[in-house]
PDB file of N, CA and C in Angstrom:
ATOM      1  N   MET A   1     -14.742  -5.685  23.680  1.00  0.00           N
ATOM      2  CA  MET A   1     -15.027  -4.885  24.843  1.00  0.00           C
ATOM      3  C   MET A   1     -16.532  -4.625  24.921  1.00  0.00           C
ATOM      4  N   ARG A   2     -17.149  -4.412  23.790  1.00  0.00           N
ATOM      5  CA  ARG A   2     -18.583  -4.115  23.769  1.00  0.00           C
ATOM      6  C   ARG A   2     -19.389  -5.226  24.425  1.00  0.00           C
ATOM      7  N   LYS A   3     -18.989  -6.470  24.189  1.00  0.00           N
ATOM      8  CA  LYS A   3     -19.718  -7.602  24.764  1.00  0.00           C
ATOM      9  C   LYS A   3     -19.593  -7.647  26.283  1.00  0.00           C
ATOM     10  N   ARG A   4     -18.453  -7.208  26.810  1.00  0.00           N
ATOM     11  CA  ARG A   4     -18.241  -7.256  28.259  1.00  0.00           C
ATOM     12  C   ARG A   4     -18.898  -6.109  28.996  1.00  0.00           C
ATOM     13  N   ILE A   5     -18.828  -4.893  28.438  1.00  0.00           N
ATOM     14  CA  ILE A   5     -19.280  -3.720  29.199  1.00  0.00           C
ATOM     15  C   ILE A   5     -20.452  -2.984  28.559  1.00  0.00           C
ATOM     16  N   GLY A   6     -20.851  -3.387  27.366  1.00  0.00           N
ATOM     17  CA  GLY A   6     -21.966  -2.733  26.694  1.00  0.00           C
ATOM     18  C   GLY A   6     -21.492  -1.689  25.696  1.00  0.00           C
ATOM     19  N   GLY A   7     -22.320  -1.449  24.701  1.00  0.00           N
ATOM     20  CA  GLY A   7     -21.955  -0.569  23.604  1.00  0.00           C
ATOM     21  C   GLY A   7     -21.716   0.876  23.988  1.00  0.00           C
ATOM     22  N   ILE A   8     -22.553   1.430  24.848  1.00  0.00           N
ATOM     23  CA  ILE A   8     -22.419   2.845  25.216  1.00  0.00           C
ATOM     24  C   ILE A   8     -21.128   3.080  25.988  1.00  0.00           C
ATOM     25  N   LYS A   9     -20.847   2.230  26.963  1.00  0.00           N
ATOM     26  CA  LYS A   9     -19.625   2.396  27.750  1.00  0.00           C
ATOM     27  C   LYS A   9     -18.391   2.146  26.885  1.00  0.00           C
ATOM     28  N   ALA A  10     -18.468   1.184  25.975  1.00  0.00           N
ATOM     29  CA  ALA A  10     -17.342   0.911  25.077  1.00  0.00           C
ATOM     30  C   ALA A  10     -17.042   2.135  24.216  1.00  0.00           C
ATOM     31  N   LEU A  11     -18.077   2.789  23.706  1.00  0.00           N
ATOM     32  CA  LEU A  11     -17.867   4.002  22.912  1.00  0.00           C
ATOM     33  C   LEU A  11     -17.268   5.123  23.749  1.00  0.00           C
ATOM     34  N   ASP A  12     -17.639   5.212  25.005  1.00  0.00           N
ATOM     35  CA  ASP A  12     -17.024   6.205  25.894  1.00  0.00           C
ATOM     36  C   ASP A  12     -15.522   5.964  26.002  1.00  0.00           C
ATOM     37  N   TYR A  13     -15.122   4.698  26.129  1.00  0.00           N
ATOM     38  CA  TYR A  13     -13.697   4.369  26.188  1.00  0.00           C
ATOM     39  C   TYR A  13     -12.999   4.718  24.878  1.00  0.00           C
ATOM     40  N   VAL A  14     -13.656   4.457  23.759  1.00  0.00           N
ATOM     41  CA  VAL A  14     -13.073   4.792  22.456  1.00  0.00           C
ATOM     42  C   VAL A  14     -12.890   6.300  22.346  1.00  0.00           C
ATOM     43  N   ARG A  15     -13.887   7.052  22.738  1.00  0.00           N
ATOM     44  CA  ARG A  15     -13.774   8.518  22.682  1.00  0.00           C
ATOM     45  C   ARG A  15     -12.630   9.019  23.559  1.00  0.00           C
ATOM     46  N   HIS A  16     -12.495   8.435  24.733  1.00  0.00           N
ATOM     47  CA  HIS A  16     -11.387   8.817  25.608  1.00  0.00           C
ATOM     48  C   HIS A  16     -10.049   8.486  24.950  1.00  0.00           C
ATOM     49  N   ALA A  17      -9.935   7.296  24.375  1.00  0.00           N
ATOM     50  CA  ALA A  17      -8.692   6.895  23.710  1.00  0.00           C
ATOM     51  C   ALA A  17      -8.357   7.846  22.566  1.00  0.00           C
ATOM     52  N   LEU A  18      -9.364   8.313  21.836  1.00  0.00           N
ATOM     53  CA  LEU A  18      -9.123   9.249  20.738  1.00  0.00           C
ATOM     54  C   LEU A  18      -8.606  10.591  21.243  1.00  0.00           C
ATOM     55  N   ASN A  19      -8.918  10.941  22.476  1.00  0.00           N
ATOM     56  CA  ASN A  19      -8.387  12.171  23.067  1.00  0.00           C
ATOM     57  C   ASN A  19      -6.965  11.999  23.575  1.00  0.00           C
ATOM     58  N   VAL A  20      -6.561  10.762  23.816  1.00  0.00           N
ATOM     59  CA  VAL A  20      -5.244  10.485  24.389  1.00  0.00           C
ATOM     60  C   VAL A  20      -4.224  10.099  23.316  1.00  0.00           C
ATOM     61  N   PHE A  21      -4.656   9.322  22.330  1.00  0.00           N
ATOM     62  CA  PHE A  21      -3.746   8.770  21.329  1.00  0.00           C
ATOM     63  C   PHE A  21      -4.006   9.375  19.959  1.00  0.00           C
ATOM     64  N   ALA A  22      -2.954   9.446  19.148  1.00  0.00           N
ATOM     65  CA  ALA A  22      -3.094   9.872  17.757  1.00  0.00           C
ATOM     66  C   ALA A  22      -3.503   8.671  16.913  1.00  0.00           C
ATOM     67  N   VAL A  23      -4.362   8.905  15.943  1.00  0.00           N
ATOM     68  CA  VAL A  23      -4.778   7.855  15.018  1.00  0.00           C
ATOM     69  C   VAL A  23      -4.097   8.131  13.684  1.00  0.00           C
ATOM     70  N   GLU A  24      -3.374   7.162  13.193  1.00  0.00           N
ATOM     71  CA  GLU A  24      -2.645   7.311  11.941  1.00  0.00           C
ATOM     72  C   GLU A  24      -3.456   6.759  10.778  1.00  0.00           C
ATOM     73  N   ALA A  25      -3.347   7.416   9.640  1.00  0.00           N
ATOM     74  CA  ALA A  25      -4.025   6.937   8.433  1.00  0.00           C
ATOM     75  C   ALA A  25      -3.246   5.768   7.832  1.00  0.00           C
ATOM     76  N   LEU A  26      -3.972   4.847   7.254  1.00  0.00           N
ATOM     77  CA  LEU A  26      -3.339   3.738   6.544  1.00  0.00           C
ATOM     78  C   LEU A  26      -3.229   4.118   5.080  1.00  0.00           C
ATOM     79  N   ASP A  27      -2.112   3.761   4.468  1.00  0.00           N
ATOM     80  CA  ASP A  27      -1.969   4.039   3.049  1.00  0.00           C
ATOM     81  C   ASP A  27      -1.455   2.800   2.320  1.00  0.00           C
ATOM     82  N   ASP A  28      -1.320   2.927   1.040  1.00  0.00           N
ATOM     83  CA  ASP A  28      -0.896   1.828   0.176  1.00  0.00           C
ATOM     84  C   ASP A  28       0.422   1.223   0.637  1.00  0.00           C
ATOM     85  N   MET A  29       1.379   2.062   1.026  1.00  0.00           N
ATOM     86  CA  MET A  29       2.695   1.581   1.441  1.00  0.00           C
ATOM     87  C   MET A  29       2.585   0.637   2.642  1.00  0.00           C
ATOM     88  N   ILE A  30       1.776   0.994   3.622  1.00  0.00           N
ATOM     89  CA  ILE A  30       1.605   0.156   4.816  1.00  0.00           C
ATOM     90  C   ILE A  30       1.072  -1.220   4.421  1.00  0.00           C
ATOM     91  N   PHE A  31       0.060  -1.247   3.564  1.00  0.00           N
ATOM     92  CA  PHE A  31      -0.527  -2.521   3.151  1.00  0.00           C
ATOM     93  C   PHE A  31       0.462  -3.359   2.348  1.00  0.00           C
ATOM     94  N   ARG A  32       1.245  -2.736   1.492  1.00  0.00           N
ATOM     95  CA  ARG A  32       2.233  -3.481   0.698  1.00  0.00           C
ATOM     96  C   ARG A  32       3.333  -4.053   1.589  1.00  0.00           C
ATOM     97  N   LEU A  33       3.826  -3.267   2.523  1.00  0.00           N
ATOM     98  CA  LEU A  33       4.839  -3.777   3.451  1.00  0.00           C
ATOM     99  C   LEU A  33       4.285  -4.936   4.270  1.00  0.00           C
ATOM    100  N   ALA A  34       3.073  -4.776   4.757  1.00  0.00           N
ATOM    101  CA  ALA A  34       2.453  -5.830   5.563  1.00  0.00           C
ATOM    102  C   ALA A  34       2.254  -7.105   4.747  1.00  0.00           C
ATOM    103  N   ALA A  35       1.863  -6.962   3.493  1.00  0.00           N
ATOM    104  CA  ALA A  35       1.616  -8.129   2.645  1.00  0.00           C
ATOM    105  C   ALA A  35       2.897  -8.888   2.332  1.00  0.00           C
ATOM    106  N   ASP A  36       4.029  -8.198   2.345  1.00  0.00           N
ATOM    107  CA  ASP A  36       5.304  -8.832   2.000  1.00  0.00           C
ATOM    108  C   ASP A  36       6.019  -9.454   3.190  1.00  0.00           C
ATOM    109  N   MET A  37       5.480  -9.308   4.380  1.00  0.00           N
ATOM    110  CA  MET A  37       6.149  -9.833   5.571  1.00  0.00           C
ATOM    111  C   MET A  37       5.530 -11.162   6.001  1.00  0.00           C
ATOM    112  N   PRO A  38       6.359 -12.022   6.618  1.00  0.00           N
ATOM    113  CA  PRO A  38       5.880 -13.361   6.989  1.00  0.00           C
ATOM    114  C   PRO A  38       5.130 -13.402   8.327  1.00  0.00           C
ATOM    115  N   TYR A  39       4.207 -12.494   8.528  1.00  0.00           N
ATOM    116  CA  TYR A  39       3.387 -12.517   9.739  1.00  0.00           C
ATOM    117  C   TYR A  39       2.291 -13.562   9.587  1.00  0.00           C
ATOM    118  N   LYS A  40       1.939 -14.211  10.678  1.00  0.00           N
ATOM    119  CA  LYS A  40       0.831 -15.171  10.644  1.00  0.00           C
ATOM    120  C   LYS A  40      -0.491 -14.461  10.405  1.00  0.00           C
ATOM    121  N   ASP A  41      -0.589 -13.231  10.901  1.00  0.00           N
ATOM    122  CA  ASP A  41      -1.841 -12.489  10.823  1.00  0.00           C
ATOM    123  C   ASP A  41      -1.595 -11.167  10.098  1.00  0.00           C
ATOM    124  N   PHE A  42      -2.283 -10.955   8.991  1.00  0.00           N
ATOM    125  CA  PHE A  42      -2.110  -9.750   8.187  1.00  0.00           C
ATOM    126  C   PHE A  42      -2.416  -8.491   8.989  1.00  0.00           C
ATOM    127  N   GLU A  43      -3.439  -8.532   9.829  1.00  0.00           N
ATOM    128  CA  GLU A  43      -3.790  -7.356  10.634  1.00  0.00           C
ATOM    129  C   GLU A  43      -2.668  -6.985  11.598  1.00  0.00           C
ATOM    130  N   ASP A  44      -1.981  -7.980  12.154  1.00  0.00           N
ATOM    131  CA  ASP A  44      -0.849  -7.697  13.043  1.00  0.00           C
ATOM    132  C   ASP A  44       0.276  -7.016  12.272  1.00  0.00           C
ATOM    133  N   ALA A  45       0.495  -7.453  11.049  1.00  0.00           N
ATOM    134  CA  ALA A  45       1.517  -6.822  10.213  1.00  0.00           C
ATOM    135  C   ALA A  45       1.141  -5.375   9.910  1.00  0.00           C
ATOM    136  N   ILE A  46      -0.125  -5.126   9.630  1.00  0.00           N
ATOM    137  CA  ILE A  46      -0.582  -3.755   9.386  1.00  0.00           C
ATOM    138  C   ILE A  46      -0.350  -2.899  10.626  1.00  0.00           C
ATOM    139  N   GLN A  47      -0.685  -3.418  11.793  1.00  0.00           N
ATOM    140  CA  GLN A  47      -0.471  -2.666  13.035  1.00  0.00           C
ATOM    141  C   GLN A  47       1.009  -2.366  13.239  1.00  0.00           C
ATOM    142  N   THR A  48       1.855  -3.355  12.968  1.00  0.00           N
ATOM    143  CA  THR A  48       3.292  -3.164  13.153  1.00  0.00           C
ATOM    144  C   THR A  48       3.825  -2.075  12.239  1.00  0.00           C
ATOM    145  N   PHE A  49       3.525  -2.142  10.953  1.00  0.00           N
ATOM    146  CA  PHE A  49       4.056  -1.152  10.024  1.00  0.00           C
ATOM    147  C   PHE A  49       3.421   0.215  10.213  1.00  0.00           C
ATOM    148  N   SER A  50       2.182   0.259  10.642  1.00  0.00           N
ATOM    149  CA  SER A  50       1.566   1.544  10.976  1.00  0.00           C
ATOM    150  C   SER A  50       2.281   2.180  12.160  1.00  0.00           C
ATOM    151  N   ALA A  51       2.574   1.377  13.169  1.00  0.00           N
ATOM    152  CA  ALA A  51       3.276   1.886  14.356  1.00  0.00           C
ATOM    153  C   ALA A  51       4.677   2.362  14.002  1.00  0.00           C
ATOM    154  N   LEU A  52       5.387   1.598  13.186  1.00  0.00           N
ATOM    155  CA  LEU A  52       6.735   2.005  12.779  1.00  0.00           C
ATOM    156  C   LEU A  52       6.686   3.299  11.977  1.00  0.00           C
ATOM    157  N   HIS A  53       5.750   3.391  11.049  1.00  0.00           N
ATOM    158  CA  HIS A  53       5.612   4.586  10.217  1.00  0.00           C
ATOM    159  C   HIS A  53       5.284   5.816  11.071  1.00  0.00           C
ATOM    160  N   ALA A  54       4.490   5.620  12.108  1.00  0.00           N
ATOM    161  CA  ALA A  54       4.095   6.722  12.988  1.00  0.00           C
ATOM    162  C   ALA A  54       5.139   7.025  14.059  1.00  0.00           C
ATOM    163  N   LYS A  55       6.218   6.233  14.071  1.00  0.00           N
ATOM    164  CA  LYS A  55       7.268   6.379  15.092  1.00  0.00           C
ATOM    165  C   LYS A  55       6.696   6.199  16.503  1.00  0.00           C
ATOM    166  N   ALA A  56       5.824   5.198  16.629  1.00  0.00           N
ATOM    167  CA  ALA A  56       5.214   4.890  17.925  1.00  0.00           C
ATOM    168  C   ALA A  56       6.266   4.369  18.897  1.00  0.00           C
ATOM    169  N   GLN A  57       6.036   4.587  20.175  1.00  0.00           N
ATOM    170  CA  GLN A  57       6.942   4.094  21.213  1.00  0.00           C
ATOM    171  C   GLN A  57       6.737   2.620  21.489  1.00  0.00           C
ATOM    172  N   CYS A  58       5.523   2.119  21.232  1.00  0.00           N
ATOM    173  CA  CYS A  58       5.212   0.724  21.534  1.00  0.00           C
ATOM    174  C   CYS A  58       3.907   0.343  20.847  1.00  0.00           C
ATOM    175  N   ILE A  59       3.594  -0.944  20.928  1.00  0.00           N
ATOM    176  CA  ILE A  59       2.295  -1.455  20.505  1.00  0.00           C
ATOM    177  C   ILE A  59       1.629  -2.024  21.748  1.00  0.00           C
ATOM    178  N   VAL A  60       0.360  -1.678  21.948  1.00  0.00           N
ATOM    179  CA  VAL A  60      -0.390  -2.184  23.095  1.00  0.00           C
ATOM    180  C   VAL A  60      -1.409  -3.194  22.577  1.00  0.00           C
ATOM    181  N   THR A  61      -1.369  -4.390  23.147  1.00  0.00           N
ATOM    182  CA  THR A  61      -2.260  -5.461  22.707  1.00  0.00           C
ATOM    183  C   THR A  61      -2.568  -6.400  23.861  1.00  0.00           C
ATOM    184  N   ARG A  62      -3.736  -7.018  23.800  1.00  0.00           N
ATOM    185  CA  ARG A  62      -4.068  -8.021  24.815  1.00  0.00           C
ATOM    186  C   ARG A  62      -3.400  -9.357  24.517  1.00  0.00           C
ATOM    187  N   ASN A  63      -2.818  -9.498  23.341  1.00  0.00           N
ATOM    188  CA  ASN A  63      -2.180 -10.756  22.967  1.00  0.00           C
ATOM    189  C   ASN A  63      -0.765 -10.497  22.451  1.00  0.00           C
ATOM    190  N   PRO A  64       0.177 -10.190  23.335  1.00  0.00           N
ATOM    191  CA  PRO A  64       1.532  -9.836  22.903  1.00  0.00           C
ATOM    192  C   PRO A  64       2.270 -10.964  22.195  1.00  0.00           C
ATOM    193  N   SER A  65       1.868 -12.204  22.387  1.00  0.00           N
ATOM    194  CA  SER A  65       2.576 -13.317  21.745  1.00  0.00           C
ATOM    195  C   SER A  65       2.471 -13.257  20.224  1.00  0.00           C
ATOM    196  N   LEU A  66       1.461 -12.590  19.701  1.00  0.00           N
ATOM    197  CA  LEU A  66       1.321 -12.466  18.252  1.00  0.00           C
ATOM    198  C   LEU A  66       2.379 -11.562  17.647  1.00  0.00           C
ATOM    199  N   PHE A  67       3.021 -10.758  18.467  1.00  0.00           N
ATOM    200  CA  PHE A  67       3.992  -9.784  17.988  1.00  0.00           C
ATOM    201  C   PHE A  67       5.413 -10.138  18.413  1.00  0.00           C
ATOM    202  N   SER A  68       5.714 -11.395  18.605  1.00  0.00           N
ATOM    203  CA  SER A  68       7.001 -11.788  19.186  1.00  0.00           C
ATOM    204  C   SER A  68       8.200 -11.399  18.331  1.00  0.00           C
ATOM    205  N   LYS A  69       8.033 -11.271  17.031  1.00  0.00           N
ATOM    206  CA  LYS A  69       9.156 -10.930  16.153  1.00  0.00           C
ATOM    207  C   LYS A  69       9.142  -9.448  15.803  1.00  0.00           C
ATOM    208  N   ASN A  70       8.722  -8.640  16.729  1.00  0.00           N
ATOM    209  CA  ASN A  70       8.539  -7.227  16.466  1.00  0.00           C
ATOM    210  C   ASN A  70       9.760  -6.421  16.881  1.00  0.00           C
ATOM    211  N   CYS A  71       9.950  -5.275  16.250  1.00  0.00           N
ATOM    212  CA  CYS A  71      11.077  -4.410  16.597  1.00  0.00           C
ATOM    213  C   CYS A  71      10.660  -3.268  17.526  1.00  0.00           C
ATOM    214  N   LEU A  72       9.411  -3.249  17.951  1.00  0.00           N
ATOM    215  CA  LEU A  72       8.929  -2.282  18.932  1.00  0.00           C
ATOM    216  C   LEU A  72       8.589  -3.008  20.223  1.00  0.00           C
ATOM    217  N   PRO A  73       8.669  -2.318  21.355  1.00  0.00           N
ATOM    218  CA  PRO A  73       8.194  -2.942  22.593  1.00  0.00           C
ATOM    219  C   PRO A  73       6.705  -3.285  22.467  1.00  0.00           C
ATOM    220  N   ILE A  74       6.342  -4.458  22.932  1.00  0.00           N
ATOM    221  CA  ILE A  74       4.957  -4.915  22.902  1.00  0.00           C
ATOM    222  C   ILE A  74       4.469  -4.988  24.344  1.00  0.00           C
ATOM    223  N   LEU A  75       3.413  -4.246  24.650  1.00  0.00           N
ATOM    224  CA  LEU A  75       2.909  -4.166  26.017  1.00  0.00           C
ATOM    225  C   LEU A  75       1.450  -4.590  26.085  1.00  0.00           C
ATOM    226  N   THR A  76       1.086  -5.205  27.189  1.00  0.00           N
ATOM    227  CA  THR A  76      -0.327  -5.438  27.460  1.00  0.00           C
ATOM    228  C   THR A  76      -0.918  -4.112  27.946  1.00  0.00           C
ATOM    229  N   PRO A  77      -2.231  -3.975  27.931  1.00  0.00           N
ATOM    230  CA  PRO A  77      -2.818  -2.741  28.466  1.00  0.00           C
ATOM    231  C   PRO A  77      -2.382  -2.465  29.902  1.00  0.00           C
ATOM    232  N   ARG A  78      -2.290  -3.492  30.740  1.00  0.00           N
ATOM    233  CA  ARG A  78      -1.863  -3.310  32.134  1.00  0.00           C
ATOM    234  C   ARG A  78      -0.417  -2.812  32.193  1.00  0.00           C
ATOM    235  N   GLU A  79       0.466  -3.406  31.385  1.00  0.00           N
ATOM    236  CA  GLU A  79       1.865  -2.968  31.372  1.00  0.00           C
ATOM    237  C   GLU A  79       1.969  -1.520  30.918  1.00  0.00           C
ATOM    238  N   TYR A  80       1.208  -1.164  29.881  1.00  0.00           N
ATOM    239  CA  TYR A  80       1.214   0.215  29.411  1.00  0.00           C
ATOM    240  C   TYR A  80       0.758   1.156  30.522  1.00  0.00           C
ATOM    241  N   TRP A  81      -0.330   0.791  31.185  1.00  0.00           N
ATOM    242  CA  TRP A  81      -0.862   1.612  32.266  1.00  0.00           C
ATOM    243  C   TRP A  81       0.167   1.787  33.372  1.00  0.00           C
ATOM    244  N   ASP A  82       0.824   0.698  33.759  1.00  0.00           N
ATOM    245  CA  ASP A  82       1.807   0.757  34.842  1.00  0.00           C
ATOM    246  C   ASP A  82       2.995   1.648  34.490  1.00  0.00           C
ATOM    247  N   ILE A  83       3.370   1.696  33.220  1.00  0.00           N
ATOM    248  CA  ILE A  83       4.522   2.494  32.787  1.00  0.00           C
ATOM    249  C   ILE A  83       4.152   3.954  32.556  1.00  0.00           C
ATOM    250  N   TYR A  84       3.046   4.209  31.874  1.00  0.00           N
ATOM    251  CA  TYR A  84       2.750   5.551  31.368  1.00  0.00           C
ATOM    252  C   TYR A  84       1.663   6.318  32.116  1.00  0.00           C
ATOM    253  N   ARG A  85       1.116   5.773  33.177  1.00  0.00           N
ATOM    254  CA  ARG A  85       0.031   6.510  33.838  1.00  0.00           C
ATOM    255  C   ARG A  85       0.492   7.756  34.513  1.00  0.00           C
TER     256      ARG A  85
END
């Protein structure tokens, strides 16, 4: 996002997101669960188990195809906006 809109505006969006969404801490359990799962991308596995641990309603990503084997609804930012605005 920083490359598209610039660093200052990107930080403004991050600050806004921090006021809207809860940020969950990562712990050893999340990393161990993620490491034991057959995800193509370790970071996606971390996001999935963090979301499950936090009892999130969904995962929002610009690339939903990476989460096709997920047990949570996977939404693009536009889909999330259309549902929850």
